Structure formats: C-alpha cells, structure tokens
Amino acid sequence: MKNIAIILAAGNGKRFSSKLCKQLHRFHGKTMLEFSIQKFQNAKDIDEILLVLPRKMLSNIHLHMDLNKYSKIKHTVAGGSSRFDSCYNAIQACDSNSNLLFHDANRPLVSPLLINDVIQALKTHKAVTPAVPVTESIIHTCHGYVLEVPEREELYHIQTPQGFQYAVISEAFELAKNSDKQNFTECCGVLKYFCPKVDILQIAGEPNNIKLTYQHDAPIIESFLNNEINKAA
C-alpha cells in the first residue's frame, strides 16, 4: 500500500498579516513550503507527495520555487474555499489503495521520526494523529461567559501529519460533502463526526512541530530551522 503525503498549502494566511501567503515566507532562501516538502521527500516510506495550492498559484508556483527538485511530487491540485474543500479535492486525486498523510505546509519542523511513527501506526490502525498535551488551563465559553473548565489532563493540541487509510477518510468526507456540516478545521473532526465507530489513535507529537500562524511565530520557527541547517552542515 502506498503512502501519500498531502501537503496543504492553500490557505490565505489572514492571521499572518502579510501580503505574501505565509507558506511562501522565506528563510535561508527557501519557502516554508519547501522546508515541509523536503521533509517528506526525504522520508523513505513516503511514496508520493500531493501538493494542494491556491488555484491562482497553480500557474505561477514556478516563480516561487522549483518543484522539479522534488521527485516525489506527482500531483498538484487546487484548494477550495475552506480546509474541508481542499482536503476533499486532495482525496479525490489519490489512489484508493493508499494511506494518506495530511500535513500543514506551515509546519516545516516535522521530524522524520514523527512521519515514520504515523506510517507505522497505520499498519495497525485506520486513523492516527499526533498531539501534545496542553500546558495551560482551557475554558469553554459562549457569548463571553465561561460554560466549563475541562480537565487539562484530557486535553491535547492536535498536530500534523494526520494519517488515514484511504477507505475510512474517503467515506467520511463523502458523507460530509452530502451534508450541511462542513465547518471542520482538520480531518479527525470529519472522521469522528461522520464515522464515530472508527478509532483514531493518538500518538505523541513533538513540541517543536509548531505551525506558522502569526508573525511572532516566524522567529521561533526560524531559530529551530537554523539549528537543523547547522546540524546538517
């Protein structure tokens, strides 16, 4: 069974407050997207990479990077108006005899170990996600009022890559596509809502596997990337 990495790079990056989308933010001459692609290009058990880009970027991605450097990129598809639509478009372009690993393009610090852990978990489970424990208390609010304070020990920050056997994630997204509920921010939510009997294994994520969301995230990620570059030199 093939392992296909789906790198989601179709977001508009509104929270990043930049004219240039955050996946094109550069460090050491490379975009955040390229750092993420390279991690999966180097992963020995990843067979293919599918890139999800904004529709307007499909024709001019060559102005920002040379995709020909990455031999595992077999497809580029247009993202949709939401993350749900982008993931759905990606699933439609994949071989049904595959495991799919969905990864945020703006998590360039994902390690080879974590990629391998997800792939290994898919040998015994239909769905898997890395996550790290929350370190501060979380409140559930409504209209400015606290409804509850959940037990912190049961709460985790979800990360990517999230891995799924094709059949289960395809079924969940088809059910969602034919419903009026598509306001999901990641794939596990879709699967849990529409296929609740499918167990999703939670494995240990990585503290460094942070996502470039706001401007203040950039220097933190760049510092970690600089360490990776220096170690590889």
C-alpha atoms as a PDB file:
ATOM      1  CA  MET A   1       0.000   0.000   0.000  1.00  0.00           C
ATOM      2  CA  LYS A   2       1.347   3.413  -0.980  1.00  0.00           C
ATOM      3  CA  ASN A   3       1.919   6.206   1.494  1.00  0.00           C
ATOM      4  CA  ILE A   4       0.915   9.566   0.034  1.00  0.00           C
ATOM      5  CA  ALA A   5       1.793  12.821   1.793  1.00  0.00           C
ATOM      6  CA  ILE A   6      -0.797  15.518   1.154  1.00  0.00           C
ATOM      7  CA  ILE A   7       0.764  18.894   1.895  1.00  0.00           C
ATOM      8  CA  LEU A   8      -1.932  21.502   2.454  1.00  0.00           C
ATOM      9  CA  ALA A   9      -0.728  24.889   1.219  1.00  0.00           C
ATOM     10  CA  ALA A  10      -3.942  26.506   0.008  1.00  0.00           C
ATOM     11  CA  GLY A  11      -4.634  28.779   2.984  1.00  0.00           C
ATOM     12  CA  ASN A  12      -4.743  32.538   2.580  1.00  0.00           C
ATOM     13  CA  GLY A  13      -2.863  33.268   5.811  1.00  0.00           C
ATOM     14  CA  LYS A  14      -5.086  36.119   7.029  1.00  0.00           C
ATOM     15  CA  ARG A  15      -3.802  35.776  10.598  1.00  0.00           C
ATOM     16  CA  PHE A  16      -0.205  36.120   9.383  1.00  0.00           C
ATOM     17  CA  SER A  17      -0.908  39.725   8.323  1.00  0.00           C
ATOM     18  CA  SER A  18       1.293  39.726   5.245  1.00  0.00           C
ATOM     19  CA  LYS A  19       0.720  40.458   1.558  1.00  0.00           C
ATOM     20  CA  LEU A  20       2.519  37.204   0.770  1.00  0.00           C
ATOM     21  CA  CYS A  21       0.850  33.999   1.968  1.00  0.00           C
ATOM     22  CA  LYS A  22       2.730  32.506   4.895  1.00  0.00           C
ATOM     23  CA  GLN A  23       3.677  29.269   3.107  1.00  0.00           C
ATOM     24  CA  LEU A  24       5.849  31.460   0.841  1.00  0.00           C
ATOM     25  CA  HIS A  25       7.602  33.137   3.772  1.00  0.00           C
ATOM     26  CA  ARG A  26      11.333  32.657   3.143  1.00  0.00           C
ATOM     27  CA  PHE A  27      14.197  31.649   5.376  1.00  0.00           C
ATOM     28  CA  HIS A  28      17.729  30.889   4.116  1.00  0.00           C
ATOM     29  CA  GLY A  29      16.415  31.335   0.576  1.00  0.00           C
ATOM     30  CA  LYS A  30      13.710  28.677   0.901  1.00  0.00           C
ATOM     31  CA  THR A  31       9.988  28.987   1.485  1.00  0.00           C
ATOM     32  CA  MET A  32       8.246  27.379   4.449  1.00  0.00           C
ATOM     33  CA  LEU A  33       6.501  25.174   1.909  1.00  0.00           C
ATOM     34  CA  GLU A  34       9.828  23.928   0.552  1.00  0.00           C
ATOM     35  CA  PHE A  35      11.073  23.036   4.023  1.00  0.00           C
ATOM     36  CA  SER A  36       7.935  20.937   4.554  1.00  0.00           C
ATOM     37  CA  ILE A  37       8.150  19.293   1.130  1.00  0.00           C
ATOM     38  CA  GLN A  38      11.788  18.365   1.771  1.00  0.00           C
ATOM     39  CA  LYS A  39      10.869  16.500   4.965  1.00  0.00           C
ATOM     40  CA  PHE A  40       8.528  14.192   3.078  1.00  0.00           C
ATOM     41  CA  GLN A  41      10.840  13.972   0.061  1.00  0.00           C
ATOM     42  CA  ASN A  42      13.496  12.590   2.414  1.00  0.00           C
ATOM     43  CA  ALA A  43      11.153  10.185   4.232  1.00  0.00           C
ATOM     44  CA  LYS A  44      11.976   6.731   2.847  1.00  0.00           C
ATOM     45  CA  ASP A  45       8.471   5.308   3.355  1.00  0.00           C
ATOM     46  CA  ILE A  46       6.680   8.181   1.604  1.00  0.00           C
ATOM     47  CA  ASP A  47       5.975   7.102  -1.979  1.00  0.00           C
ATOM     48  CA  GLU A  48       4.303  10.230  -3.349  1.00  0.00           C
ATOM     49  CA  ILE A  49       3.610  13.837  -2.463  1.00  0.00           C
ATOM     50  CA  LEU A  50       0.426  15.635  -3.458  1.00  0.00           C
ATOM     51  CA  LEU A  51       0.548  19.406  -3.181  1.00  0.00           C
ATOM     52  CA  VAL A  52      -2.614  21.439  -2.547  1.00  0.00           C
ATOM     53  CA  LEU A  53      -2.192  25.058  -3.661  1.00  0.00           C
ATOM     54  CA  PRO A  54      -4.420  28.114  -4.060  1.00  0.00           C
ATOM     55  CA  ARG A  55      -5.986  27.981  -7.511  1.00  0.00           C
ATOM     56  CA  LYS A  56      -4.368  31.282  -8.519  1.00  0.00           C
ATOM     57  CA  MET A  57      -0.942  29.883  -7.588  1.00  0.00           C
ATOM     58  CA  LEU A  58      -1.127  26.735  -9.709  1.00  0.00           C
ATOM     59  CA  SER A  59       0.057  28.537 -12.826  1.00  0.00           C
ATOM     60  CA  ASN A  60       2.811  30.610 -11.201  1.00  0.00           C
ATOM     61  CA  ILE A  61       4.232  28.425  -8.438  1.00  0.00           C
ATOM     62  CA  HIS A  62       7.422  28.231 -10.538  1.00  0.00           C
ATOM     63  CA  LEU A  63       8.010  31.914  -9.735  1.00  0.00           C
ATOM     64  CA  HIS A  64       8.444  30.998  -6.082  1.00  0.00           C
ATOM     65  CA  MET A  65      10.151  27.594  -6.164  1.00  0.00           C
ATOM     66  CA  ASP A  66      11.346  24.819  -8.443  1.00  0.00           C
ATOM     67  CA  LEU A  67       9.067  21.839  -7.852  1.00  0.00           C
ATOM     68  CA  ASN A  68      11.139  19.752 -10.256  1.00  0.00           C
ATOM     69  CA  LYS A  69      13.686  19.348  -7.457  1.00  0.00           C
ATOM     70  CA  TYR A  70      11.250  17.096  -5.619  1.00  0.00           C
ATOM     71  CA  SER A  71      10.839  13.797  -7.445  1.00  0.00           C
ATOM     72  CA  LYS A  72       8.045  12.538  -5.185  1.00  0.00           C
ATOM     73  CA  ILE A  73       5.620  15.317  -6.153  1.00  0.00           C
ATOM     74  CA  LYS A  74       3.241  13.535  -8.512  1.00  0.00           C
ATOM     75  CA  HIS A  75       0.207  15.830  -8.381  1.00  0.00           C
ATOM     76  CA  THR A  76      -0.722  19.425  -7.641  1.00  0.00           C
ATOM     77  CA  VAL A  77      -4.387  20.208  -7.085  1.00  0.00           C
ATOM     78  CA  ALA A  78      -6.330  23.378  -6.449  1.00  0.00           C
ATOM     79  CA  GLY A  79      -7.515  24.016  -2.941  1.00  0.00           C
ATOM     80  CA  GLY A  80     -11.057  25.055  -2.152  1.00  0.00           C
ATOM     81  CA  SER A  81     -12.643  27.874  -0.222  1.00  0.00           C
ATOM     82  CA  SER A  82     -12.104  26.026   3.070  1.00  0.00           C
ATOM     83  CA  ARG A  83      -9.747  23.446   4.525  1.00  0.00           C
ATOM     84  CA  PHE A  84     -12.514  20.873   4.189  1.00  0.00           C
ATOM     85  CA  ASP A  85     -12.787  21.534   0.439  1.00  0.00           C
ATOM     86  CA  SER A  86      -9.013  21.439   0.000  1.00  0.00           C
ATOM     87  CA  CYS A  87      -8.783  18.060   1.737  1.00  0.00           C
ATOM     88  CA  TYR A  88     -11.730  16.740  -0.264  1.00  0.00           C
ATOM     89  CA  ASN A  89     -10.078  17.772  -3.545  1.00  0.00           C
ATOM     90  CA  ALA A  90      -6.874  16.037  -2.482  1.00  0.00           C
ATOM     91  CA  ILE A  91      -8.642  12.793  -1.581  1.00  0.00           C
ATOM     92  CA  GLN A  92     -10.305  12.724  -4.996  1.00  0.00           C
ATOM     93  CA  ALA A  93      -6.887  12.830  -6.663  1.00  0.00           C
ATOM     94  CA  CYS A  94      -5.424   9.906  -4.683  1.00  0.00           C
ATOM     95  CA  ASP A  95      -5.172   6.194  -5.352  1.00  0.00           C
ATOM     96  CA  SER A  96      -7.712   4.254  -3.277  1.00  0.00           C
ATOM     97  CA  ASN A  97      -5.041   1.693  -2.354  1.00  0.00           C
ATOM     98  CA  SER A  98      -3.163   4.197  -0.210  1.00  0.00           C
ATOM     99  CA  ASN A  99      -2.542   5.613   3.197  1.00  0.00           C
ATOM    100  CA  LEU A 100      -2.968   9.386   3.236  1.00  0.00           C
ATOM    101  CA  LEU A 101      -0.904  11.664   5.471  1.00  0.00           C
ATOM    102  CA  PHE A 102      -2.313  15.195   5.668  1.00  0.00           C
ATOM    103  CA  HIS A 103       0.240  17.813   6.680  1.00  0.00           C
ATOM    104  CA  ASP A 104       0.121  21.572   7.177  1.00  0.00           C
ATOM    105  CA  ALA A 105       2.600  23.247   4.834  1.00  0.00           C
ATOM    106  CA  ASN A 106       3.305  25.719   7.620  1.00  0.00           C
ATOM    107  CA  ARG A 107       4.708  23.054   9.957  1.00  0.00           C
ATOM    108  CA  PRO A 108       8.225  22.878   8.474  1.00  0.00           C
ATOM    109  CA  LEU A 109       9.759  21.400  11.636  1.00  0.00           C
ATOM    110  CA  VAL A 110       8.097  17.982  11.410  1.00  0.00           C
ATOM    111  CA  SER A 111      10.712  15.314  12.046  1.00  0.00           C
ATOM    112  CA  PRO A 112      11.464  12.103  10.115  1.00  0.00           C
ATOM    113  CA  LEU A 113      10.702  10.209  13.333  1.00  0.00           C
ATOM    114  CA  LEU A 114       7.174  11.602  13.596  1.00  0.00           C
ATOM    115  CA  ILE A 115       6.443  10.878   9.922  1.00  0.00           C
ATOM    116  CA  ASN A 116       7.617   7.314  10.465  1.00  0.00           C
ATOM    117  CA  ASP A 117       5.578   6.962  13.669  1.00  0.00           C
ATOM    118  CA  VAL A 118       2.392   7.887  11.782  1.00  0.00           C
ATOM    119  CA  ILE A 119       3.157   5.435   8.963  1.00  0.00           C
ATOM    120  CA  GLN A 120       3.900   2.615  11.405  1.00  0.00           C
ATOM    121  CA  ALA A 121       0.689   3.285  13.346  1.00  0.00           C
ATOM    122  CA  LEU A 122      -1.335   2.945  10.136  1.00  0.00           C
ATOM    123  CA  LYS A 123      -0.248  -0.687   9.897  1.00  0.00           C
ATOM    124  CA  THR A 124      -2.496  -1.497  12.849  1.00  0.00           C
ATOM    125  CA  HIS A 125      -4.982   1.412  12.954  1.00  0.00           C
ATOM    126  CA  LYS A 126      -7.242   3.080  10.414  1.00  0.00           C
ATOM    127  CA  ALA A 127      -6.583   6.605  11.655  1.00  0.00           C
ATOM    128  CA  VAL A 128      -3.880   8.311  13.693  1.00  0.00           C
ATOM    129  CA  THR A 129      -2.987  11.808  14.805  1.00  0.00           C
ATOM    130  CA  PRO A 130      -0.053  13.226  16.752  1.00  0.00           C
ATOM    131  CA  ALA A 131      -0.857  15.544  19.630  1.00  0.00           C
ATOM    132  CA  VAL A 132       0.887  17.222  22.550  1.00  0.00           C
ATOM    133  CA  PRO A 133      -0.603  17.948  25.996  1.00  0.00           C
ATOM    134  CA  VAL A 134      -1.859  21.453  26.676  1.00  0.00           C
ATOM    135  CA  THR A 135       0.244  23.267  29.244  1.00  0.00           C
ATOM    136  CA  GLU A 136      -2.328  25.823  30.404  1.00  0.00           C
ATOM    137  CA  SER A 137      -5.930  25.504  31.506  1.00  0.00           C
ATOM    138  CA  ILE A 138      -8.607  25.818  28.808  1.00  0.00           C
ATOM    139  CA  ILE A 139     -12.089  27.294  29.195  1.00  0.00           C
ATOM    140  CA  HIS A 140     -15.183  26.644  27.115  1.00  0.00           C
ATOM    141  CA  THR A 141     -17.103  29.896  26.612  1.00  0.00           C
ATOM    142  CA  CYS A 142     -20.304  31.134  24.995  1.00  0.00           C
ATOM    143  CA  HIS A 143     -21.144  34.804  24.380  1.00  0.00           C
ATOM    144  CA  GLY A 144     -18.353  35.887  26.692  1.00  0.00           C
ATOM    145  CA  TYR A 145     -19.268  33.640  29.624  1.00  0.00           C
ATOM    146  CA  VAL A 146     -17.451  30.577  30.895  1.00  0.00           C
ATOM    147  CA  LEU A 147     -19.501  27.412  30.455  1.00  0.00           C
ATOM    148  CA  GLU A 148     -16.974  24.927  31.789  1.00  0.00           C
ATOM    149  CA  VAL A 149     -13.323  24.374  32.600  1.00  0.00           C
ATOM    150  CA  PRO A 150     -12.380  20.947  31.170  1.00  0.00           C
ATOM    151  CA  GLU A 151      -9.831  18.748  32.916  1.00  0.00           C
ATOM    152  CA  ARG A 152      -6.472  19.787  31.487  1.00  0.00           C
ATOM    153  CA  GLU A 153      -5.116  16.236  31.688  1.00  0.00           C
ATOM    154  CA  GLU A 154      -7.556  15.175  28.967  1.00  0.00           C
ATOM    155  CA  LEU A 155      -6.765  18.000  26.525  1.00  0.00           C
ATOM    156  CA  TYR A 156      -4.165  17.962  23.758  1.00  0.00           C
ATOM    157  CA  HIS A 157      -3.019  20.226  20.932  1.00  0.00           C
ATOM    158  CA  ILE A 158      -3.541  18.353  17.683  1.00  0.00           C
ATOM    159  CA  GLN A 159      -0.709  18.307  15.132  1.00  0.00           C
ATOM    160  CA  THR A 160       0.007  17.006  11.662  1.00  0.00           C
ATOM    161  CA  PRO A 161       0.723  14.801   9.803  1.00  0.00           C
ATOM    162  CA  GLN A 162      -2.572  13.060  10.452  1.00  0.00           C
ATOM    163  CA  GLY A 163      -2.716   9.631   8.835  1.00  0.00           C
ATOM    164  CA  PHE A 164      -5.676   7.661   7.486  1.00  0.00           C
ATOM    165  CA  GLN A 165      -6.379   4.585   5.461  1.00  0.00           C
ATOM    166  CA  TYR A 166      -7.976   5.832   2.253  1.00  0.00           C
ATOM    167  CA  ALA A 167     -11.273   3.970   2.655  1.00  0.00           C
ATOM    168  CA  VAL A 168     -12.218   5.475   6.021  1.00  0.00           C
ATOM    169  CA  ILE A 169     -11.285   9.097   5.330  1.00  0.00           C
ATOM    170  CA  SER A 170     -12.834   8.979   1.860  1.00  0.00           C
ATOM    171  CA  GLU A 171     -16.115   7.678   3.292  1.00  0.00           C
ATOM    172  CA  ALA A 172     -16.182  10.345   5.997  1.00  0.00           C
ATOM    173  CA  PHE A 173     -15.570  13.179   3.536  1.00  0.00           C
ATOM    174  CA  GLU A 174     -18.198  11.873   1.104  1.00  0.00           C
ATOM    175  CA  LEU A 175     -20.755  11.778   3.917  1.00  0.00           C
ATOM    176  CA  ALA A 176     -19.779  15.309   4.920  1.00  0.00           C
ATOM    177  CA  LYS A 177     -19.905  16.553   1.329  1.00  0.00           C
ATOM    178  CA  ASN A 178     -23.510  15.407   1.093  1.00  0.00           C
ATOM    179  CA  SER A 179     -24.468  17.079   4.363  1.00  0.00           C
ATOM    180  CA  ASP A 180     -24.760  20.650   5.584  1.00  0.00           C
ATOM    181  CA  LYS A 181     -21.914  20.262   8.101  1.00  0.00           C
ATOM    182  CA  GLN A 182     -18.509  21.013   6.637  1.00  0.00           C
ATOM    183  CA  ASN A 183     -17.066  23.553   9.083  1.00  0.00           C
ATOM    184  CA  PHE A 184     -14.179  21.371  10.200  1.00  0.00           C
ATOM    185  CA  THR A 185     -10.657  22.641  10.830  1.00  0.00           C
ATOM    186  CA  GLU A 186      -8.899  19.276  10.412  1.00  0.00           C
ATOM    187  CA  CYS A 187      -9.555  15.743   9.207  1.00  0.00           C
ATOM    188  CA  CYS A 188     -10.007  13.943  12.533  1.00  0.00           C
ATOM    189  CA  GLY A 189     -13.052  16.069  13.241  1.00  0.00           C
ATOM    190  CA  VAL A 190     -14.669  14.946   9.970  1.00  0.00           C
ATOM    191  CA  LEU A 191     -13.949  11.282  10.675  1.00  0.00           C
ATOM    192  CA  LYS A 192     -15.106  11.409  14.295  1.00  0.00           C
ATOM    193  CA  TYR A 193     -18.373  13.144  13.386  1.00  0.00           C
ATOM    194  CA  PHE A 194     -19.403  11.009  10.429  1.00  0.00           C
ATOM    195  CA  CYS A 195     -17.744   7.673  11.296  1.00  0.00           C
ATOM    196  CA  PRO A 196     -17.726   7.692  15.109  1.00  0.00           C
ATOM    197  CA  LYS A 197     -17.073   3.950  15.385  1.00  0.00           C
ATOM    198  CA  VAL A 198     -13.649   4.336  13.767  1.00  0.00           C
ATOM    199  CA  ASP A 199     -10.999   4.635  16.458  1.00  0.00           C
ATOM    200  CA  ILE A 200      -8.431   7.409  15.990  1.00  0.00           C
ATOM    201  CA  LEU A 201      -5.125   6.575  17.628  1.00  0.00           C
ATOM    202  CA  GLN A 202      -3.389   9.460  19.379  1.00  0.00           C
ATOM    203  CA  ILE A 203       0.395   9.271  19.341  1.00  0.00           C
ATOM    204  CA  ALA A 204       2.972  11.588  20.867  1.00  0.00           C
ATOM    205  CA  GLY A 205       3.521  14.757  18.890  1.00  0.00           C
ATOM    206  CA  GLU A 206       6.574  16.991  19.085  1.00  0.00           C
ATOM    207  CA  PRO A 207       6.890  20.305  20.958  1.00  0.00           C
ATOM    208  CA  ASN A 208       8.942  21.763  18.083  1.00  0.00           C
ATOM    209  CA  ASN A 209       6.355  20.812  15.460  1.00  0.00           C
ATOM    210  CA  ILE A 210       4.724  24.230  15.671  1.00  0.00           C
ATOM    211  CA  LYS A 211       2.708  25.947  12.986  1.00  0.00           C
ATOM    212  CA  LEU A 212       3.480  29.293  11.392  1.00  0.00           C
ATOM    213  CA  THR A 213       0.256  31.176  12.135  1.00  0.00           C
ATOM    214  CA  TYR A 214       1.165  34.671  13.336  1.00  0.00           C
ATOM    215  CA  GLN A 215       4.107  36.973  12.636  1.00  0.00           C
ATOM    216  CA  HIS A 216       5.552  36.292  16.085  1.00  0.00           C
ATOM    217  CA  ASP A 217       5.797  32.567  15.215  1.00  0.00           C
ATOM    218  CA  ALA A 218       8.307  33.254  12.420  1.00  0.00           C
ATOM    219  CA  PRO A 219      11.441  33.977  14.505  1.00  0.00           C
ATOM    220  CA  ILE A 220      10.763  30.935  16.702  1.00  0.00           C
ATOM    221  CA  ILE A 221      10.438  28.612  13.723  1.00  0.00           C
ATOM    222  CA  GLU A 222      13.424  30.230  12.000  1.00  0.00           C
ATOM    223  CA  SER A 223      15.550  29.594  15.097  1.00  0.00           C
ATOM    224  CA  PHE A 224      14.681  25.886  15.061  1.00  0.00           C
ATOM    225  CA  LEU A 225      15.247  25.692  11.294  1.00  0.00           C
ATOM    226  CA  ASN A 226      18.622  27.347  11.745  1.00  0.00           C
ATOM    227  CA  ASN A 227      19.550  24.640  14.252  1.00  0.00           C
ATOM    228  CA  GLU A 228      18.520  21.944  11.755  1.00  0.00           C
ATOM    229  CA  ILE A 229      20.580  23.590   8.999  1.00  0.00           C
ATOM    230  CA  ASN A 230      23.650  23.883  11.228  1.00  0.00           C
ATOM    231  CA  LYS A 231      23.403  20.242  12.332  1.00  0.00           C
ATOM    232  CA  ALA A 232      23.177  19.110   8.696  1.00  0.00           C
ATOM    233  CA  ALA A 233      26.207  21.183   7.651  1.00  0.00           C
END
